Amino acid sequence: MEPKSMDLLLALKEIPAGYLNIMGYVDKSEVNGPGSRAVVWVQGCPRECAGCFNPDSWTFEINQLVAIDTLAADIIKNPHNTGVTFSGGEPFWQASALANLARQVKAAGLNVMSFTGFTLKQLQSESAPPGSQELLAELDILIDGPFIQSQAINSPTSPVASRNQQVHIFNPEFKDQISWASDQIEVHVLKDGDRIVTGYQGWLELT
């Protein structure tokens, strides 16, 4: 394993069992997958892609620790939610914890989708982050591949942000529901007055 990956795994060990280290969360979105869904942005990604929507998510330092059971309950209690989307950061560096969260929300009838900078083939390989197979087994939809700025797509009809990315539909029920667009945005005003812009421009805190 590369030294950078070793450092990364050491940083991940700082996350207590039963918790996720997240960058942010919204309890309702319509631009991050089919239907109305919660979105969890995990903290940490080593890629540092040019043009990344969420550069604040790169560091693996502890940002916001949230108990998986608490987060699952928050997602489930919103009657408008039909699913949850994992984004980031890189979800698959916290794959086992997200698989736990996915099982809980799926037991309540919700679907689960994830973005990843890895390709599906990489996630199916022996060199994938720990727990990758566990999380893949819970997903209904996966959008894979890193964002490549030179291949960016600015289209109201594309669910991916760059041409190298692919939509993998593991649950055939969603074959005809890939209708969101990567260039849509939403603004969420939180209780403390902070605002989140999500969608094509990702996570931004506005002043």
N, C-alpha and C. Protein backbone atom coordinates (compact mmCIF):
# COMPACT_ATOMS: atom_id res chain seq x y z
N MET A 1 0.85 -1.20 0.00
CA MET A 1 0.00 0.00 0.00
C MET A 1 0.88 1.25 0.00
N GLU A 2 0.51 2.27 -0.75
CA GLU A 2 1.30 3.49 -0.85
C GLU A 2 1.31 4.22 0.49
N PRO A 3 2.42 4.98 0.77
CA PRO A 3 2.50 5.72 2.04
C PRO A 3 1.31 6.65 2.26
N LYS A 4 0.87 7.31 1.20
CA LYS A 4 -0.25 8.23 1.35
C LYS A 4 -1.50 7.49 1.82
N SER A 5 -1.70 6.28 1.30
CA SER A 5 -2.85 5.49 1.72
C SER A 5 -2.72 5.06 3.18
N MET A 6 -1.49 4.78 3.61
CA MET A 6 -1.26 4.40 5.01
C MET A 6 -1.61 5.56 5.93
N ASP A 7 -1.16 6.77 5.57
CA ASP A 7 -1.49 7.95 6.37
C ASP A 7 -3.00 8.17 6.42
N LEU A 8 -3.64 7.93 5.29
CA LEU A 8 -5.08 8.09 5.19
C LEU A 8 -5.79 7.13 6.12
N LEU A 9 -5.36 5.87 6.14
CA LEU A 9 -5.99 4.88 6.99
C LEU A 9 -5.78 5.19 8.47
N LEU A 10 -4.62 5.74 8.80
CA LEU A 10 -4.37 6.16 10.17
C LEU A 10 -5.32 7.28 10.57
N ALA A 11 -5.55 8.22 9.66
CA ALA A 11 -6.48 9.32 9.94
C ALA A 11 -7.89 8.78 10.14
N LEU A 12 -8.27 7.80 9.35
CA LEU A 12 -9.62 7.23 9.46
C LEU A 12 -9.83 6.51 10.78
N LYS A 13 -8.73 6.02 11.38
CA LYS A 13 -8.85 5.34 12.67
C LYS A 13 -9.24 6.28 13.79
N GLU A 14 -9.14 7.59 13.53
CA GLU A 14 -9.54 8.57 14.54
C GLU A 14 -11.07 8.66 14.67
N ILE A 15 -11.78 8.10 13.70
CA ILE A 15 -13.25 8.13 13.74
C ILE A 15 -13.73 7.01 14.66
N PRO A 16 -14.47 7.33 15.71
CA PRO A 16 -14.94 6.27 16.63
C PRO A 16 -15.86 5.28 15.92
N ALA A 17 -15.86 4.06 16.40
CA ALA A 17 -16.78 3.05 15.87
C ALA A 17 -18.21 3.53 16.03
N GLY A 18 -19.02 3.32 14.97
CA GLY A 18 -20.42 3.73 15.02
C GLY A 18 -20.66 5.16 14.61
N TYR A 19 -19.60 5.83 14.12
CA TYR A 19 -19.72 7.23 13.72
C TYR A 19 -19.22 7.43 12.29
N LEU A 20 -19.67 8.52 11.69
CA LEU A 20 -19.16 9.01 10.42
C LEU A 20 -18.53 10.38 10.64
N ASN A 21 -17.49 10.67 9.88
CA ASN A 21 -16.91 12.01 9.84
C ASN A 21 -17.45 12.67 8.58
N ILE A 22 -18.33 13.66 8.74
CA ILE A 22 -18.99 14.25 7.58
C ILE A 22 -18.63 15.71 7.40
N MET A 23 -18.77 16.17 6.17
CA MET A 23 -18.62 17.59 5.86
C MET A 23 -19.95 18.30 6.01
N GLY A 24 -21.04 17.60 5.70
CA GLY A 24 -22.35 18.24 5.80
C GLY A 24 -23.48 17.28 5.51
N TYR A 25 -24.69 17.78 5.73
CA TYR A 25 -25.89 16.97 5.56
C TYR A 25 -27.07 17.89 5.27
N VAL A 26 -27.92 17.51 4.32
CA VAL A 26 -29.22 18.15 4.15
C VAL A 26 -30.27 17.05 4.16
N ASP A 27 -31.43 17.37 4.72
CA ASP A 27 -32.45 16.32 4.88
C ASP A 27 -33.42 16.24 3.71
N LYS A 28 -33.25 17.11 2.70
CA LYS A 28 -34.12 17.02 1.53
C LYS A 28 -33.45 17.70 0.34
N SER A 29 -33.30 16.96 -0.76
CA SER A 29 -32.72 17.51 -1.99
C SER A 29 -33.38 16.84 -3.19
N GLU A 30 -33.47 17.58 -4.28
CA GLU A 30 -34.02 17.00 -5.52
C GLU A 30 -33.04 17.13 -6.67
N VAL A 31 -31.75 17.41 -6.37
CA VAL A 31 -30.75 17.54 -7.44
C VAL A 31 -29.58 16.58 -7.23
N ASN A 32 -29.75 15.62 -6.33
CA ASN A 32 -28.67 14.67 -6.04
C ASN A 32 -29.13 13.23 -6.20
N GLY A 33 -29.99 13.01 -7.19
CA GLY A 33 -30.49 11.67 -7.45
C GLY A 33 -31.99 11.68 -7.64
N PRO A 34 -32.58 10.52 -7.90
CA PRO A 34 -34.02 10.47 -8.19
C PRO A 34 -34.88 10.77 -6.97
N GLY A 35 -35.93 11.53 -7.18
CA GLY A 35 -36.88 11.82 -6.12
C GLY A 35 -36.34 12.79 -5.10
N SER A 36 -37.01 12.83 -3.96
CA SER A 36 -36.59 13.66 -2.83
C SER A 36 -35.75 12.81 -1.91
N ARG A 37 -34.55 13.31 -1.55
CA ARG A 37 -33.64 12.46 -0.80
C ARG A 37 -32.73 13.27 0.11
N ALA A 38 -32.30 12.64 1.17
CA ALA A 38 -31.28 13.22 2.02
C ALA A 38 -29.93 13.10 1.31
N VAL A 39 -28.99 13.97 1.69
CA VAL A 39 -27.63 13.91 1.14
C VAL A 39 -26.63 13.99 2.28
N VAL A 40 -25.69 13.06 2.28
CA VAL A 40 -24.61 13.05 3.26
C VAL A 40 -23.29 13.27 2.52
N TRP A 41 -22.58 14.35 2.87
CA TRP A 41 -21.25 14.61 2.31
C TRP A 41 -20.22 14.15 3.34
N VAL A 42 -19.46 13.12 3.01
CA VAL A 42 -18.45 12.65 3.95
C VAL A 42 -17.20 13.52 3.85
N GLN A 43 -16.40 13.48 4.91
CA GLN A 43 -15.17 14.28 4.97
C GLN A 43 -13.99 13.42 4.54
N GLY A 44 -13.17 13.94 3.64
CA GLY A 44 -11.94 13.27 3.26
C GLY A 44 -11.91 12.76 1.84
N CYS A 45 -10.94 13.26 1.07
CA CYS A 45 -10.68 12.75 -0.29
C CYS A 45 -9.26 13.11 -0.67
N PRO A 46 -8.44 12.13 -1.05
CA PRO A 46 -7.04 12.41 -1.39
C PRO A 46 -6.82 12.86 -2.83
N ARG A 47 -7.85 12.90 -3.66
CA ARG A 47 -7.65 13.16 -5.09
C ARG A 47 -7.32 14.61 -5.40
N GLU A 48 -8.00 15.53 -4.72
CA GLU A 48 -7.79 16.97 -4.93
C GLU A 48 -7.90 17.32 -6.42
N CYS A 49 -8.99 16.90 -7.04
CA CYS A 49 -9.21 17.13 -8.47
C CYS A 49 -9.35 18.62 -8.78
N ALA A 50 -8.74 19.06 -9.86
CA ALA A 50 -8.93 20.44 -10.32
C ALA A 50 -10.40 20.66 -10.64
N GLY A 51 -10.95 21.77 -10.17
CA GLY A 51 -12.35 22.06 -10.41
C GLY A 51 -13.29 21.34 -9.48
N CYS A 52 -12.76 20.69 -8.44
CA CYS A 52 -13.60 19.97 -7.48
C CYS A 52 -14.68 20.89 -6.92
N PHE A 53 -15.89 20.36 -6.80
CA PHE A 53 -17.00 21.14 -6.28
C PHE A 53 -16.87 21.38 -4.77
N ASN A 54 -16.19 20.46 -4.08
CA ASN A 54 -16.17 20.49 -2.62
C ASN A 54 -14.75 20.42 -2.06
N PRO A 55 -13.90 21.40 -2.33
CA PRO A 55 -12.51 21.32 -1.84
C PRO A 55 -12.41 21.29 -0.33
N ASP A 56 -13.41 21.80 0.38
CA ASP A 56 -13.38 21.73 1.84
C ASP A 56 -13.47 20.29 2.34
N SER A 57 -13.83 19.38 1.45
CA SER A 57 -13.98 17.98 1.85
C SER A 57 -12.67 17.20 1.73
N TRP A 58 -11.60 17.79 1.25
CA TRP A 58 -10.38 17.04 0.98
C TRP A 58 -9.70 16.51 2.24
N THR A 59 -9.58 17.35 3.25
CA THR A 59 -8.86 16.94 4.46
C THR A 59 -9.57 15.80 5.18
N PHE A 60 -8.76 14.91 5.77
CA PHE A 60 -9.32 13.80 6.54
C PHE A 60 -9.39 14.12 8.03
N GLU A 61 -9.06 15.35 8.40
CA GLU A 61 -9.18 15.74 9.79
C GLU A 61 -10.65 15.67 10.23
N ILE A 62 -10.86 15.43 11.51
CA ILE A 62 -12.22 15.34 12.03
C ILE A 62 -12.92 16.68 11.83
N ASN A 63 -14.07 16.65 11.21
CA ASN A 63 -14.87 17.85 10.98
C ASN A 63 -16.13 17.78 11.83
N GLN A 64 -17.03 16.90 11.46
CA GLN A 64 -18.29 16.75 12.20
C GLN A 64 -18.56 15.27 12.39
N LEU A 65 -18.44 14.81 13.62
CA LEU A 65 -18.73 13.41 13.92
C LEU A 65 -20.22 13.25 14.19
N VAL A 66 -20.83 12.29 13.55
CA VAL A 66 -22.25 12.04 13.75
C VAL A 66 -22.47 10.54 13.90
N ALA A 67 -23.26 10.17 14.89
CA ALA A 67 -23.56 8.76 15.12
C ALA A 67 -24.39 8.21 13.97
N ILE A 68 -24.03 7.04 13.48
CA ILE A 68 -24.74 6.44 12.35
C ILE A 68 -26.22 6.24 12.68
N ASP A 69 -26.50 5.75 13.88
CA ASP A 69 -27.89 5.50 14.26
C ASP A 69 -28.70 6.79 14.29
N THR A 70 -28.08 7.88 14.77
CA THR A 70 -28.77 9.17 14.83
C THR A 70 -29.04 9.69 13.43
N LEU A 71 -28.05 9.58 12.55
CA LEU A 71 -28.21 10.04 11.17
C LEU A 71 -29.29 9.23 10.45
N ALA A 72 -29.30 7.93 10.67
CA ALA A 72 -30.32 7.08 10.05
C ALA A 72 -31.71 7.51 10.50
N ALA A 73 -31.86 7.78 11.79
CA ALA A 73 -33.16 8.19 12.32
C ALA A 73 -33.60 9.53 11.71
N ASP A 74 -32.65 10.46 11.55
CA ASP A 74 -32.97 11.76 10.95
C ASP A 74 -33.44 11.60 9.51
N ILE A 75 -32.77 10.73 8.77
CA ILE A 75 -33.14 10.52 7.37
C ILE A 75 -34.53 9.88 7.27
N ILE A 76 -34.76 8.88 8.08
CA ILE A 76 -36.00 8.11 8.01
C ILE A 76 -37.21 8.94 8.44
N LYS A 77 -37.01 9.85 9.39
CA LYS A 77 -38.17 10.57 9.94
C LYS A 77 -38.73 11.63 8.99
N ASN A 78 -37.99 11.97 7.93
CA ASN A 78 -38.50 12.92 6.95
C ASN A 78 -39.43 12.18 5.99
N PRO A 79 -40.73 12.43 6.04
CA PRO A 79 -41.68 11.66 5.23
C PRO A 79 -41.56 11.91 3.73
N HIS A 80 -40.84 12.98 3.35
CA HIS A 80 -40.69 13.30 1.94
C HIS A 80 -39.56 12.49 1.28
N ASN A 81 -38.67 11.95 2.09
CA ASN A 81 -37.51 11.26 1.52
C ASN A 81 -37.88 9.91 0.91
N THR A 82 -37.37 9.68 -0.29
CA THR A 82 -37.48 8.35 -0.89
C THR A 82 -36.12 7.65 -0.91
N GLY A 83 -35.05 8.39 -0.58
CA GLY A 83 -33.73 7.80 -0.60
C GLY A 83 -32.70 8.70 0.03
N VAL A 84 -31.45 8.23 -0.02
CA VAL A 84 -30.32 9.00 0.49
C VAL A 84 -29.17 8.87 -0.49
N THR A 85 -28.41 9.96 -0.64
CA THR A 85 -27.24 9.98 -1.52
C THR A 85 -26.00 10.24 -0.70
N PHE A 86 -24.95 9.47 -0.96
CA PHE A 86 -23.64 9.67 -0.33
C PHE A 86 -22.73 10.39 -1.31
N SER A 87 -22.14 11.48 -0.86
CA SER A 87 -21.23 12.25 -1.70
C SER A 87 -20.05 12.67 -0.84
N GLY A 88 -19.28 13.62 -1.32
CA GLY A 88 -18.14 13.98 -0.49
C GLY A 88 -17.32 15.11 -1.04
N GLY A 89 -16.06 14.94 -0.70
CA GLY A 89 -15.32 13.82 -0.15
C GLY A 89 -15.47 12.54 -0.97
N GLU A 90 -14.85 11.49 -0.43
CA GLU A 90 -14.92 10.18 -1.08
C GLU A 90 -15.64 9.21 -0.16
N PRO A 91 -16.90 8.87 -0.49
CA PRO A 91 -17.67 7.98 0.38
C PRO A 91 -17.00 6.64 0.67
N PHE A 92 -16.27 6.10 -0.28
CA PHE A 92 -15.76 4.74 -0.10
C PHE A 92 -14.59 4.66 0.88
N TRP A 93 -14.06 5.79 1.33
CA TRP A 93 -13.08 5.73 2.42
C TRP A 93 -13.76 5.57 3.78
N GLN A 94 -15.07 5.66 3.82
CA GLN A 94 -15.83 5.34 5.03
C GLN A 94 -16.91 4.32 4.67
N ALA A 95 -16.52 3.37 3.84
CA ALA A 95 -17.48 2.44 3.23
C ALA A 95 -18.24 1.60 4.25
N SER A 96 -17.56 1.04 5.23
CA SER A 96 -18.25 0.16 6.19
C SER A 96 -19.29 0.92 6.99
N ALA A 97 -18.94 2.14 7.42
CA ALA A 97 -19.90 2.94 8.19
C ALA A 97 -21.10 3.32 7.32
N LEU A 98 -20.85 3.67 6.07
CA LEU A 98 -21.95 4.01 5.17
C LEU A 98 -22.80 2.79 4.84
N ALA A 99 -22.18 1.62 4.76
CA ALA A 99 -22.95 0.39 4.53
C ALA A 99 -23.91 0.15 5.70
N ASN A 100 -23.45 0.43 6.91
CA ASN A 100 -24.30 0.32 8.10
C ASN A 100 -25.48 1.28 7.98
N LEU A 101 -25.19 2.53 7.62
CA LEU A 101 -26.25 3.53 7.44
C LEU A 101 -27.21 3.09 6.33
N ALA A 102 -26.66 2.59 5.24
CA ALA A 102 -27.49 2.16 4.11
C ALA A 102 -28.45 1.05 4.51
N ARG A 103 -27.97 0.09 5.28
CA ARG A 103 -28.84 -1.02 5.70
C ARG A 103 -30.01 -0.51 6.54
N GLN A 104 -29.74 0.46 7.38
CA GLN A 104 -30.82 0.99 8.24
C GLN A 104 -31.88 1.73 7.43
N VAL A 105 -31.45 2.56 6.49
CA VAL A 105 -32.44 3.32 5.73
C VAL A 105 -33.16 2.42 4.71
N LYS A 106 -32.47 1.41 4.19
CA LYS A 106 -33.14 0.48 3.27
C LYS A 106 -34.19 -0.36 3.99
N ALA A 107 -33.92 -0.68 5.25
CA ALA A 107 -34.90 -1.42 6.04
C ALA A 107 -36.18 -0.62 6.22
N ALA A 108 -36.05 0.71 6.11
CA ALA A 108 -37.23 1.59 6.23
C ALA A 108 -37.85 1.88 4.87
N GLY A 109 -37.34 1.24 3.81
CA GLY A 109 -37.95 1.38 2.49
C GLY A 109 -37.32 2.42 1.59
N LEU A 110 -36.20 3.02 2.00
CA LEU A 110 -35.55 4.04 1.18
C LEU A 110 -34.51 3.40 0.26
N ASN A 111 -34.17 4.10 -0.82
CA ASN A 111 -33.12 3.63 -1.72
C ASN A 111 -31.82 4.38 -1.42
N VAL A 112 -30.71 3.84 -1.94
CA VAL A 112 -29.39 4.39 -1.62
C VAL A 112 -28.57 4.55 -2.89
N MET A 113 -27.98 5.73 -3.00
CA MET A 113 -27.14 6.06 -4.16
C MET A 113 -25.83 6.65 -3.66
N SER A 114 -24.76 6.48 -4.42
CA SER A 114 -23.48 7.07 -4.03
C SER A 114 -22.72 7.59 -5.24
N PHE A 115 -22.00 8.68 -5.01
CA PHE A 115 -20.98 9.15 -5.95
C PHE A 115 -19.64 8.60 -5.47
N THR A 116 -18.70 8.44 -6.39
CA THR A 116 -17.35 8.03 -6.02
C THR A 116 -16.36 8.48 -7.09
N GLY A 117 -15.14 8.78 -6.66
CA GLY A 117 -14.07 9.09 -7.60
C GLY A 117 -13.38 7.85 -8.13
N PHE A 118 -13.65 6.71 -7.50
CA PHE A 118 -13.13 5.44 -8.00
C PHE A 118 -13.99 4.97 -9.18
N THR A 119 -13.45 4.09 -9.99
CA THR A 119 -14.28 3.40 -10.97
C THR A 119 -14.86 2.16 -10.31
N LEU A 120 -15.94 1.65 -10.87
CA LEU A 120 -16.54 0.44 -10.33
C LEU A 120 -15.52 -0.70 -10.33
N LYS A 121 -14.73 -0.81 -11.38
CA LYS A 121 -13.72 -1.87 -11.46
C LYS A 121 -12.73 -1.76 -10.30
N GLN A 122 -12.31 -0.54 -9.98
CA GLN A 122 -11.38 -0.35 -8.86
C GLN A 122 -12.02 -0.75 -7.54
N LEU A 123 -13.29 -0.44 -7.39
CA LEU A 123 -13.98 -0.78 -6.14
C LEU A 123 -14.18 -2.28 -5.99
N GLN A 124 -14.18 -2.99 -7.10
CA GLN A 124 -14.35 -4.44 -7.07
C GLN A 124 -13.03 -5.18 -6.95
N SER A 125 -11.93 -4.44 -6.92
CA SER A 125 -10.60 -5.05 -6.86
C SER A 125 -10.12 -5.21 -5.42
N GLU A 126 -9.03 -5.95 -5.26
CA GLU A 126 -8.48 -6.19 -3.92
C GLU A 126 -7.87 -4.93 -3.32
N SER A 127 -7.54 -3.95 -4.16
CA SER A 127 -6.91 -2.72 -3.67
C SER A 127 -7.93 -1.66 -3.27
N ALA A 128 -9.21 -1.98 -3.33
CA ALA A 128 -10.26 -1.03 -2.97
C ALA A 128 -10.21 -0.70 -1.48
N PRO A 129 -10.72 0.46 -1.08
CA PRO A 129 -10.76 0.79 0.35
C PRO A 129 -11.51 -0.26 1.15
N PRO A 130 -11.15 -0.44 2.41
CA PRO A 130 -11.84 -1.45 3.24
C PRO A 130 -13.35 -1.22 3.27
N GLY A 131 -14.09 -2.30 3.12
CA GLY A 131 -15.54 -2.22 3.19
C GLY A 131 -16.23 -1.87 1.88
N SER A 132 -15.45 -1.72 0.80
CA SER A 132 -16.06 -1.30 -0.48
C SER A 132 -17.10 -2.28 -0.97
N GLN A 133 -16.81 -3.57 -0.88
CA GLN A 133 -17.77 -4.57 -1.35
C GLN A 133 -19.04 -4.53 -0.51
N GLU A 134 -18.87 -4.27 0.77
CA GLU A 134 -20.00 -4.18 1.69
C GLU A 134 -20.94 -3.04 1.29
N LEU A 135 -20.35 -1.89 0.95
CA LEU A 135 -21.18 -0.75 0.55
C LEU A 135 -21.78 -0.96 -0.84
N LEU A 136 -21.01 -1.49 -1.77
CA LEU A 136 -21.53 -1.75 -3.11
C LEU A 136 -22.77 -2.64 -3.06
N ALA A 137 -22.77 -3.59 -2.15
CA ALA A 137 -23.89 -4.53 -2.04
C ALA A 137 -25.18 -3.85 -1.62
N GLU A 138 -25.09 -2.66 -1.02
CA GLU A 138 -26.28 -1.95 -0.55
C GLU A 138 -26.79 -0.91 -1.53
N LEU A 139 -26.02 -0.60 -2.57
CA LEU A 139 -26.36 0.51 -3.45
C LEU A 139 -27.39 0.14 -4.51
N ASP A 140 -28.28 1.07 -4.78
CA ASP A 140 -29.20 0.96 -5.91
C ASP A 140 -28.61 1.63 -7.16
N ILE A 141 -27.87 2.72 -6.93
CA ILE A 141 -27.26 3.47 -8.03
C ILE A 141 -25.86 3.91 -7.61
N LEU A 142 -24.92 3.85 -8.53
CA LEU A 142 -23.56 4.35 -8.31
C LEU A 142 -23.16 5.23 -9.49
N ILE A 143 -22.64 6.42 -9.20
CA ILE A 143 -22.00 7.24 -10.24
C ILE A 143 -20.52 7.23 -9.96
N ASP A 144 -19.74 6.67 -10.89
CA ASP A 144 -18.32 6.47 -10.62
C ASP A 144 -17.43 7.33 -11.52
N GLY A 145 -16.19 7.45 -11.08
CA GLY A 145 -15.18 8.19 -11.84
C GLY A 145 -14.91 9.56 -11.27
N PRO A 146 -13.66 10.01 -11.30
CA PRO A 146 -13.32 11.34 -10.79
C PRO A 146 -13.85 12.44 -11.70
N PHE A 147 -14.06 13.62 -11.13
CA PHE A 147 -14.41 14.77 -11.96
C PHE A 147 -13.16 15.22 -12.70
N ILE A 148 -13.26 15.30 -14.03
CA ILE A 148 -12.14 15.76 -14.87
C ILE A 148 -12.57 17.06 -15.53
N GLN A 149 -11.93 18.13 -15.13
CA GLN A 149 -12.36 19.46 -15.56
C GLN A 149 -12.37 19.62 -17.07
N SER A 150 -11.39 19.02 -17.76
CA SER A 150 -11.32 19.14 -19.22
C SER A 150 -12.44 18.38 -19.92
N GLN A 151 -13.12 17.49 -19.19
CA GLN A 151 -14.23 16.72 -19.76
C GLN A 151 -15.57 17.13 -19.14
N ALA A 152 -15.61 18.31 -18.55
CA ALA A 152 -16.82 18.76 -17.86
C ALA A 152 -18.01 18.85 -18.81
N ILE A 153 -19.19 18.52 -18.29
CA ILE A 153 -20.44 18.61 -19.04
C ILE A 153 -21.33 19.63 -18.34
N ASN A 154 -21.73 20.65 -19.06
CA ASN A 154 -22.68 21.62 -18.52
C ASN A 154 -23.98 21.47 -19.29
N SER A 155 -24.78 20.52 -18.85
CA SER A 155 -25.97 20.18 -19.63
C SER A 155 -27.16 19.95 -18.70
N PRO A 156 -28.34 20.45 -19.07
CA PRO A 156 -29.54 20.21 -18.26
C PRO A 156 -30.10 18.79 -18.43
N THR A 157 -29.43 17.96 -19.23
CA THR A 157 -29.92 16.60 -19.45
C THR A 157 -28.93 15.53 -19.00
N SER A 158 -27.79 15.94 -18.43
CA SER A 158 -26.77 14.96 -18.04
C SER A 158 -26.74 14.77 -16.52
N PRO A 159 -26.84 13.52 -16.05
CA PRO A 159 -26.76 13.27 -14.61
C PRO A 159 -25.33 13.22 -14.10
N VAL A 160 -24.34 13.25 -15.00
CA VAL A 160 -22.94 13.24 -14.59
C VAL A 160 -22.29 14.57 -14.91
N ALA A 161 -21.20 14.89 -14.20
CA ALA A 161 -20.57 16.19 -14.34
C ALA A 161 -19.42 16.21 -15.33
N SER A 162 -18.84 15.05 -15.64
CA SER A 162 -17.79 14.99 -16.66
C SER A 162 -17.95 13.71 -17.47
N ARG A 163 -17.48 13.74 -18.71
CA ARG A 163 -17.79 12.68 -19.67
C ARG A 163 -17.25 11.31 -19.28
N ASN A 164 -16.23 11.25 -18.45
CA ASN A 164 -15.66 9.97 -18.05
C ASN A 164 -16.52 9.23 -17.03
N GLN A 165 -17.43 9.93 -16.39
CA GLN A 165 -18.23 9.32 -15.33
C GLN A 165 -19.36 8.48 -15.91
N GLN A 166 -19.74 7.46 -15.15
CA GLN A 166 -20.81 6.57 -15.60
C GLN A 166 -21.85 6.36 -14.51
N VAL A 167 -23.08 6.13 -14.93
CA VAL A 167 -24.16 5.78 -14.01
C VAL A 167 -24.36 4.28 -14.04
N HIS A 168 -24.21 3.64 -12.89
CA HIS A 168 -24.42 2.19 -12.78
C HIS A 168 -25.71 1.96 -12.00
N ILE A 169 -26.65 1.29 -12.62
CA ILE A 169 -27.94 1.02 -11.99
C ILE A 169 -27.96 -0.43 -11.54
N PHE A 170 -27.87 -0.64 -10.23
CA PHE A 170 -27.88 -1.99 -9.68
C PHE A 170 -29.29 -2.49 -9.42
N ASN A 171 -30.20 -1.58 -9.21
CA ASN A 171 -31.61 -1.92 -8.97
C ASN A 171 -32.41 -1.53 -10.21
N PRO A 172 -32.93 -2.50 -10.96
CA PRO A 172 -33.62 -2.19 -12.22
C PRO A 172 -34.84 -1.29 -12.05
N GLU A 173 -35.35 -1.14 -10.84
CA GLU A 173 -36.49 -0.25 -10.62
C GLU A 173 -36.16 1.20 -11.00
N PHE A 174 -34.85 1.53 -11.02
CA PHE A 174 -34.44 2.91 -11.28
C PHE A 174 -33.96 3.14 -12.72
N LYS A 175 -34.18 2.16 -13.57
CA LYS A 175 -33.71 2.26 -14.95
C LYS A 175 -34.25 3.49 -15.66
N ASP A 176 -35.48 3.84 -15.39
CA ASP A 176 -36.11 4.98 -16.07
C ASP A 176 -36.24 6.21 -15.17
N GLN A 177 -35.44 6.25 -14.09
CA GLN A 177 -35.54 7.37 -13.16
C GLN A 177 -34.26 8.20 -13.10
N ILE A 178 -33.40 8.06 -14.08
CA ILE A 178 -32.15 8.83 -14.11
C ILE A 178 -32.45 10.13 -14.86
N SER A 179 -33.15 11.03 -14.20
CA SER A 179 -33.67 12.22 -14.88
C SER A 179 -33.18 13.53 -14.28
N TRP A 180 -32.39 13.47 -13.20
CA TRP A 180 -31.87 14.72 -12.64
C TRP A 180 -30.72 15.22 -13.53
N ALA A 181 -30.35 16.48 -13.37
CA ALA A 181 -29.29 17.06 -14.21
C ALA A 181 -28.15 17.57 -13.34
N SER A 182 -26.93 17.39 -13.82
CA SER A 182 -25.76 17.75 -13.03
C SER A 182 -25.57 19.26 -12.92
N ASP A 183 -26.28 20.05 -13.72
CA ASP A 183 -26.08 21.49 -13.66
C ASP A 183 -27.18 22.20 -12.87
N GLN A 184 -28.01 21.45 -12.15
CA GLN A 184 -29.02 22.05 -11.30
C GLN A 184 -28.42 22.37 -9.93
N ILE A 185 -28.93 23.42 -9.29
CA ILE A 185 -28.47 23.73 -7.95
C ILE A 185 -29.65 24.01 -7.03
N GLU A 186 -29.42 23.85 -5.74
CA GLU A 186 -30.38 24.19 -4.71
C GLU A 186 -29.67 25.03 -3.66
N VAL A 187 -30.43 25.89 -3.00
CA VAL A 187 -29.91 26.65 -1.86
C VAL A 187 -30.70 26.25 -0.63
N HIS A 188 -30.00 25.79 0.40
CA HIS A 188 -30.63 25.39 1.66
C HIS A 188 -30.20 26.37 2.74
N VAL A 189 -31.16 26.93 3.47
CA VAL A 189 -30.87 27.82 4.59
C VAL A 189 -31.05 27.02 5.87
N LEU A 190 -29.98 26.90 6.65
CA LEU A 190 -30.01 26.10 7.86
C LEU A 190 -30.53 26.92 9.04
N LYS A 191 -30.84 26.22 10.14
CA LYS A 191 -31.41 26.89 11.31
C LYS A 191 -30.47 27.95 11.89
N ASP A 192 -29.15 27.73 11.76
CA ASP A 192 -28.21 28.70 12.31
C ASP A 192 -27.91 29.84 11.34
N GLY A 193 -28.59 29.86 10.19
CA GLY A 193 -28.41 30.93 9.22
C GLY A 193 -27.43 30.61 8.12
N ASP A 194 -26.61 29.57 8.28
CA ASP A 194 -25.70 29.17 7.22
C ASP A 194 -26.50 28.68 6.01
N ARG A 195 -25.89 28.83 4.84
CA ARG A 195 -26.54 28.39 3.62
C ARG A 195 -25.68 27.37 2.89
N ILE A 196 -26.33 26.41 2.29
CA ILE A 196 -25.65 25.38 1.50
C ILE A 196 -26.16 25.47 0.07
N VAL A 197 -25.23 25.53 -0.87
CA VAL A 197 -25.58 25.40 -2.29
C VAL A 197 -25.14 24.02 -2.73
N THR A 198 -26.07 23.22 -3.21
CA THR A 198 -25.74 21.87 -3.64
C THR A 198 -26.25 21.62 -5.05
N GLY A 199 -25.64 20.63 -5.70
CA GLY A 199 -25.93 20.34 -7.10
C GLY A 199 -24.63 20.42 -7.87
N TYR A 200 -24.67 21.00 -9.04
CA TYR A 200 -23.48 21.05 -9.88
C TYR A 200 -22.32 21.78 -9.21
N GLN A 201 -22.62 22.88 -8.50
CA GLN A 201 -21.56 23.64 -7.86
C GLN A 201 -21.19 23.09 -6.49
N GLY A 202 -21.84 22.01 -6.10
CA GLY A 202 -21.46 21.33 -4.87
C GLY A 202 -21.73 22.15 -3.63
N TRP A 203 -20.88 21.92 -2.64
CA TRP A 203 -21.06 22.52 -1.32
C TRP A 203 -20.37 23.87 -1.26
N LEU A 204 -21.11 24.93 -0.98
CA LEU A 204 -20.54 26.25 -0.82
C LEU A 204 -21.22 26.92 0.37
N GLU A 205 -20.45 27.59 1.21
CA GLU A 205 -21.03 28.39 2.27
C GLU A 205 -20.96 29.84 1.82
N LEU A 206 -22.11 30.48 1.73
CA LEU A 206 -22.19 31.84 1.21
C LEU A 206 -22.18 32.85 2.34
N THR A 207 -21.62 33.99 2.09
CA THR A 207 -21.62 35.06 3.08
C THR A 207 -22.62 36.12 2.67
